Amino acid sequence: MNRMAQVFHRIKKWLQSLSFRTGVIVLLCCIPLYALSFAQMMLPISTTAKGVLWAILFGLAKTCQYGGLTILGVEGFKRLKKKLKLKSSDN
């Protein structure tokens, strides 16, 4: 496995270890970042600065969105699996 693949694998493992609550918080962080990425266009700064700010803020919003979904997906699966085990043991 090359170096970049190892880094992605470690990040994925770390995200999978986080809690459901953490996933919700990370996912909710994308809302103000999306708003800021477009609201900054009204600032009286150069077009270049606006483009850089948009790329940074929009990129952070996407990172929070996908990170939050990754965390929720793993934790949500665990919760569902636990509920299904409880139902099958009741029968």
N, C-alpha and C. Protein backbone atom coordinates (compact mmCIF):
# COMPACT_ATOMS: atom_id res chain seq x y z
N MET A 1 0.85 -1.18 0.00
CA MET A 1 0.00 0.00 0.00
C MET A 1 0.90 1.25 0.00
N ASN A 2 0.58 2.20 -0.87
CA ASN A 2 1.42 3.39 -0.90
C ASN A 2 1.09 4.34 0.27
N ARG A 3 1.88 5.34 0.43
CA ARG A 3 1.78 6.26 1.57
C ARG A 3 0.42 6.96 1.64
N MET A 4 -0.08 7.44 0.52
CA MET A 4 -1.36 8.16 0.49
C MET A 4 -2.51 7.23 0.87
N ALA A 5 -2.50 6.01 0.40
CA ALA A 5 -3.54 5.04 0.75
C ALA A 5 -3.51 4.72 2.25
N GLN A 6 -2.32 4.65 2.82
CA GLN A 6 -2.20 4.40 4.26
C GLN A 6 -2.80 5.56 5.06
N VAL A 7 -2.56 6.77 4.62
CA VAL A 7 -3.11 7.95 5.30
C VAL A 7 -4.64 7.93 5.24
N PHE A 8 -5.20 7.68 4.06
CA PHE A 8 -6.65 7.62 3.93
C PHE A 8 -7.25 6.50 4.78
N HIS A 9 -6.58 5.37 4.84
CA HIS A 9 -7.06 4.25 5.65
C HIS A 9 -7.08 4.63 7.14
N ARG A 10 -6.05 5.30 7.61
CA ARG A 10 -6.00 5.72 9.01
C ARG A 10 -7.07 6.75 9.32
N ILE A 11 -7.31 7.68 8.41
CA ILE A 11 -8.36 8.69 8.61
C ILE A 11 -9.72 8.01 8.66
N LYS A 12 -9.97 7.07 7.77
CA LYS A 12 -11.24 6.36 7.73
C LYS A 12 -11.46 5.59 9.03
N LYS A 13 -10.44 4.91 9.52
CA LYS A 13 -10.54 4.16 10.79
C LYS A 13 -10.86 5.11 11.94
N TRP A 14 -10.21 6.26 11.96
CA TRP A 14 -10.43 7.23 13.03
C TRP A 14 -11.86 7.76 12.98
N LEU A 15 -12.36 8.11 11.78
CA LEU A 15 -13.72 8.60 11.65
C LEU A 15 -14.73 7.55 12.10
N GLN A 16 -14.46 6.28 11.79
CA GLN A 16 -15.38 5.22 12.17
C GLN A 16 -15.45 5.01 13.67
N SER A 17 -14.44 5.46 14.38
CA SER A 17 -14.43 5.25 15.83
C SER A 17 -15.17 6.35 16.59
N LEU A 18 -15.62 7.39 15.90
CA LEU A 18 -16.29 8.51 16.57
C LEU A 18 -17.75 8.21 16.84
N SER A 19 -18.34 8.93 17.79
CA SER A 19 -19.72 8.66 18.23
C SER A 19 -20.76 9.28 17.30
N PHE A 20 -22.00 8.86 17.50
CA PHE A 20 -23.14 9.38 16.76
C PHE A 20 -23.29 10.88 17.00
N ARG A 21 -23.17 11.28 18.25
CA ARG A 21 -23.29 12.70 18.63
C ARG A 21 -22.23 13.53 17.90
N THR A 22 -21.03 13.04 17.87
CA THR A 22 -19.96 13.74 17.17
C THR A 22 -20.29 13.89 15.69
N GLY A 23 -20.86 12.85 15.09
CA GLY A 23 -21.26 12.91 13.69
C GLY A 23 -22.29 13.99 13.43
N VAL A 24 -23.26 14.10 14.34
CA VAL A 24 -24.29 15.13 14.20
C VAL A 24 -23.67 16.52 14.31
N ILE A 25 -22.78 16.70 15.27
CA ILE A 25 -22.13 18.01 15.45
C ILE A 25 -21.30 18.38 14.23
N VAL A 26 -20.52 17.43 13.72
CA VAL A 26 -19.69 17.70 12.54
C VAL A 26 -20.57 18.02 11.34
N LEU A 27 -21.65 17.28 11.19
CA LEU A 27 -22.56 17.51 10.07
C LEU A 27 -23.22 18.89 10.18
N LEU A 28 -23.60 19.30 11.38
CA LEU A 28 -24.22 20.61 11.56
C LEU A 28 -23.24 21.76 11.32
N CYS A 29 -21.96 21.50 11.48
CA CYS A 29 -20.94 22.54 11.22
C CYS A 29 -20.92 22.96 9.76
N CYS A 30 -21.40 22.13 8.88
CA CYS A 30 -21.35 22.49 7.46
C CYS A 30 -22.35 23.61 7.13
N ILE A 31 -23.40 23.77 7.91
CA ILE A 31 -24.41 24.79 7.62
C ILE A 31 -23.83 26.20 7.68
N PRO A 32 -23.21 26.61 8.80
CA PRO A 32 -22.65 27.97 8.80
C PRO A 32 -21.50 28.15 7.81
N LEU A 33 -20.75 27.08 7.54
CA LEU A 33 -19.66 27.20 6.57
C LEU A 33 -20.19 27.43 5.16
N TYR A 34 -21.29 26.74 4.80
CA TYR A 34 -21.90 27.00 3.49
C TYR A 34 -22.40 28.44 3.42
N ALA A 35 -23.05 28.90 4.50
CA ALA A 35 -23.57 30.27 4.52
C ALA A 35 -22.44 31.28 4.39
N LEU A 36 -21.36 31.07 5.14
CA LEU A 36 -20.22 31.99 5.07
C LEU A 36 -19.54 31.97 3.71
N SER A 37 -19.50 30.80 3.07
CA SER A 37 -18.83 30.72 1.78
C SER A 37 -19.49 31.61 0.73
N PHE A 38 -20.79 31.81 0.85
CA PHE A 38 -21.49 32.68 -0.09
C PHE A 38 -21.66 34.10 0.44
N ALA A 39 -21.84 34.26 1.76
CA ALA A 39 -22.01 35.59 2.35
C ALA A 39 -20.76 36.44 2.19
N GLN A 40 -19.59 35.83 2.17
CA GLN A 40 -18.36 36.61 2.05
C GLN A 40 -18.26 37.34 0.71
N MET A 41 -19.10 36.96 -0.24
CA MET A 41 -19.09 37.64 -1.55
C MET A 41 -19.51 39.11 -1.44
N MET A 42 -20.20 39.46 -0.35
CA MET A 42 -20.64 40.84 -0.16
C MET A 42 -19.56 41.72 0.47
N LEU A 43 -18.44 41.13 0.87
CA LEU A 43 -17.36 41.92 1.48
C LEU A 43 -16.69 42.80 0.43
N PRO A 44 -16.26 44.00 0.85
CA PRO A 44 -15.60 44.91 -0.10
C PRO A 44 -14.10 44.57 -0.26
N ILE A 45 -13.82 43.39 -0.80
CA ILE A 45 -12.45 42.95 -1.02
C ILE A 45 -12.29 42.54 -2.47
N SER A 46 -11.06 42.27 -2.87
CA SER A 46 -10.80 41.95 -4.28
C SER A 46 -11.46 40.62 -4.68
N THR A 47 -11.65 40.49 -5.97
CA THR A 47 -12.25 39.28 -6.52
C THR A 47 -11.38 38.06 -6.23
N THR A 48 -10.08 38.26 -6.26
CA THR A 48 -9.16 37.15 -5.97
C THR A 48 -9.33 36.68 -4.53
N ALA A 49 -9.41 37.61 -3.60
CA ALA A 49 -9.59 37.26 -2.19
C ALA A 49 -10.94 36.56 -1.98
N LYS A 50 -11.95 37.03 -2.66
CA LYS A 50 -13.27 36.38 -2.56
C LYS A 50 -13.21 34.95 -3.07
N GLY A 51 -12.51 34.74 -4.16
CA GLY A 51 -12.37 33.39 -4.72
C GLY A 51 -11.63 32.46 -3.77
N VAL A 52 -10.58 32.98 -3.16
CA VAL A 52 -9.81 32.17 -2.21
C VAL A 52 -10.66 31.85 -0.98
N LEU A 53 -11.34 32.87 -0.44
CA LEU A 53 -12.21 32.63 0.72
C LEU A 53 -13.31 31.63 0.39
N TRP A 54 -13.91 31.75 -0.79
CA TRP A 54 -14.97 30.83 -1.17
C TRP A 54 -14.44 29.39 -1.24
N ALA A 55 -13.29 29.22 -1.87
CA ALA A 55 -12.71 27.88 -2.00
C ALA A 55 -12.41 27.27 -0.64
N ILE A 56 -11.86 28.06 0.27
CA ILE A 56 -11.54 27.55 1.61
C ILE A 56 -12.81 27.21 2.39
N LEU A 57 -13.76 28.15 2.45
CA LEU A 57 -14.98 27.93 3.24
C LEU A 57 -15.85 26.83 2.65
N PHE A 58 -15.99 26.81 1.33
CA PHE A 58 -16.79 25.77 0.69
C PHE A 58 -16.13 24.40 0.86
N GLY A 59 -14.81 24.38 0.77
CA GLY A 59 -14.08 23.13 0.98
C GLY A 59 -14.24 22.61 2.40
N LEU A 60 -14.18 23.51 3.38
CA LEU A 60 -14.41 23.11 4.77
C LEU A 60 -15.83 22.60 4.98
N ALA A 61 -16.80 23.26 4.33
CA ALA A 61 -18.20 22.81 4.44
C ALA A 61 -18.36 21.40 3.88
N LYS A 62 -17.77 21.15 2.73
CA LYS A 62 -17.85 19.81 2.12
C LYS A 62 -17.15 18.77 2.99
N THR A 63 -16.02 19.14 3.57
CA THR A 63 -15.29 18.23 4.45
C THR A 63 -16.14 17.87 5.66
N CYS A 64 -16.79 18.87 6.26
CA CYS A 64 -17.68 18.60 7.40
C CYS A 64 -18.86 17.73 6.98
N GLN A 65 -19.41 18.02 5.82
CA GLN A 65 -20.55 17.25 5.34
C GLN A 65 -20.19 15.78 5.16
N TYR A 66 -19.13 15.49 4.42
CA TYR A 66 -18.77 14.11 4.16
C TYR A 66 -18.23 13.41 5.39
N GLY A 67 -17.49 14.14 6.22
CA GLY A 67 -17.01 13.56 7.47
C GLY A 67 -18.16 13.19 8.39
N GLY A 68 -19.12 14.10 8.52
CA GLY A 68 -20.29 13.84 9.36
C GLY A 68 -21.11 12.66 8.86
N LEU A 69 -21.28 12.59 7.56
CA LEU A 69 -22.03 11.46 6.98
C LEU A 69 -21.29 10.14 7.18
N THR A 70 -19.97 10.18 7.10
CA THR A 70 -19.19 8.98 7.34
C THR A 70 -19.35 8.50 8.78
N ILE A 71 -19.27 9.43 9.71
CA ILE A 71 -19.41 9.08 11.13
C ILE A 71 -20.82 8.57 11.41
N LEU A 72 -21.83 9.27 10.92
CA LEU A 72 -23.21 8.85 11.15
C LEU A 72 -23.51 7.51 10.50
N GLY A 73 -22.96 7.28 9.34
CA GLY A 73 -23.21 6.02 8.64
C GLY A 73 -22.73 4.83 9.44
N VAL A 74 -21.56 4.91 9.97
CA VAL A 74 -21.00 3.81 10.75
C VAL A 74 -21.79 3.63 12.05
N GLU A 75 -22.02 4.72 12.76
CA GLU A 75 -22.71 4.63 14.04
C GLU A 75 -24.17 4.22 13.83
N GLY A 76 -24.79 4.74 12.78
CA GLY A 76 -26.17 4.36 12.49
C GLY A 76 -26.30 2.88 12.21
N PHE A 77 -25.35 2.31 11.48
CA PHE A 77 -25.34 0.88 11.20
C PHE A 77 -25.22 0.09 12.50
N LYS A 78 -24.36 0.52 13.39
CA LYS A 78 -24.19 -0.17 14.67
C LYS A 78 -25.48 -0.15 15.48
N ARG A 79 -26.15 1.00 15.49
CA ARG A 79 -27.42 1.11 16.24
C ARG A 79 -28.49 0.18 15.65
N LEU A 80 -28.58 0.15 14.33
CA LEU A 80 -29.56 -0.72 13.68
C LEU A 80 -29.27 -2.18 13.96
N LYS A 81 -28.02 -2.56 13.88
CA LYS A 81 -27.62 -3.95 14.12
C LYS A 81 -27.97 -4.36 15.56
N LYS A 82 -27.74 -3.47 16.50
CA LYS A 82 -28.06 -3.75 17.90
C LYS A 82 -29.56 -3.94 18.10
N LYS A 83 -30.36 -3.08 17.47
CA LYS A 83 -31.81 -3.20 17.58
C LYS A 83 -32.32 -4.50 16.96
N LEU A 84 -31.74 -4.88 15.83
CA LEU A 84 -32.17 -6.12 15.17
C LEU A 84 -31.81 -7.34 16.03
N LYS A 85 -30.68 -7.32 16.70
CA LYS A 85 -30.30 -8.42 17.59
C LYS A 85 -31.26 -8.52 18.75
N LEU A 86 -31.67 -7.38 19.30
CA LEU A 86 -32.61 -7.40 20.42
C LEU A 86 -33.95 -7.96 20.00
N LYS A 87 -34.43 -7.60 18.82
CA LYS A 87 -35.72 -8.10 18.32
C LYS A 87 -35.67 -9.61 18.07
N SER A 88 -34.58 -10.11 17.50
CA SER A 88 -34.48 -11.52 17.19
C SER A 88 -34.34 -12.36 18.47
N SER A 89 -33.74 -11.80 19.51
CA SER A 89 -33.60 -12.55 20.77
C SER A 89 -34.92 -12.57 21.55
N ASP A 90 -35.83 -11.62 21.28
CA ASP A 90 -37.15 -11.60 21.92
C ASP A 90 -38.05 -12.71 21.41
N ASN A 91 -37.85 -13.14 20.17
CA ASN A 91 -38.74 -14.17 19.55
C ASN A 91 -38.35 -15.56 19.96
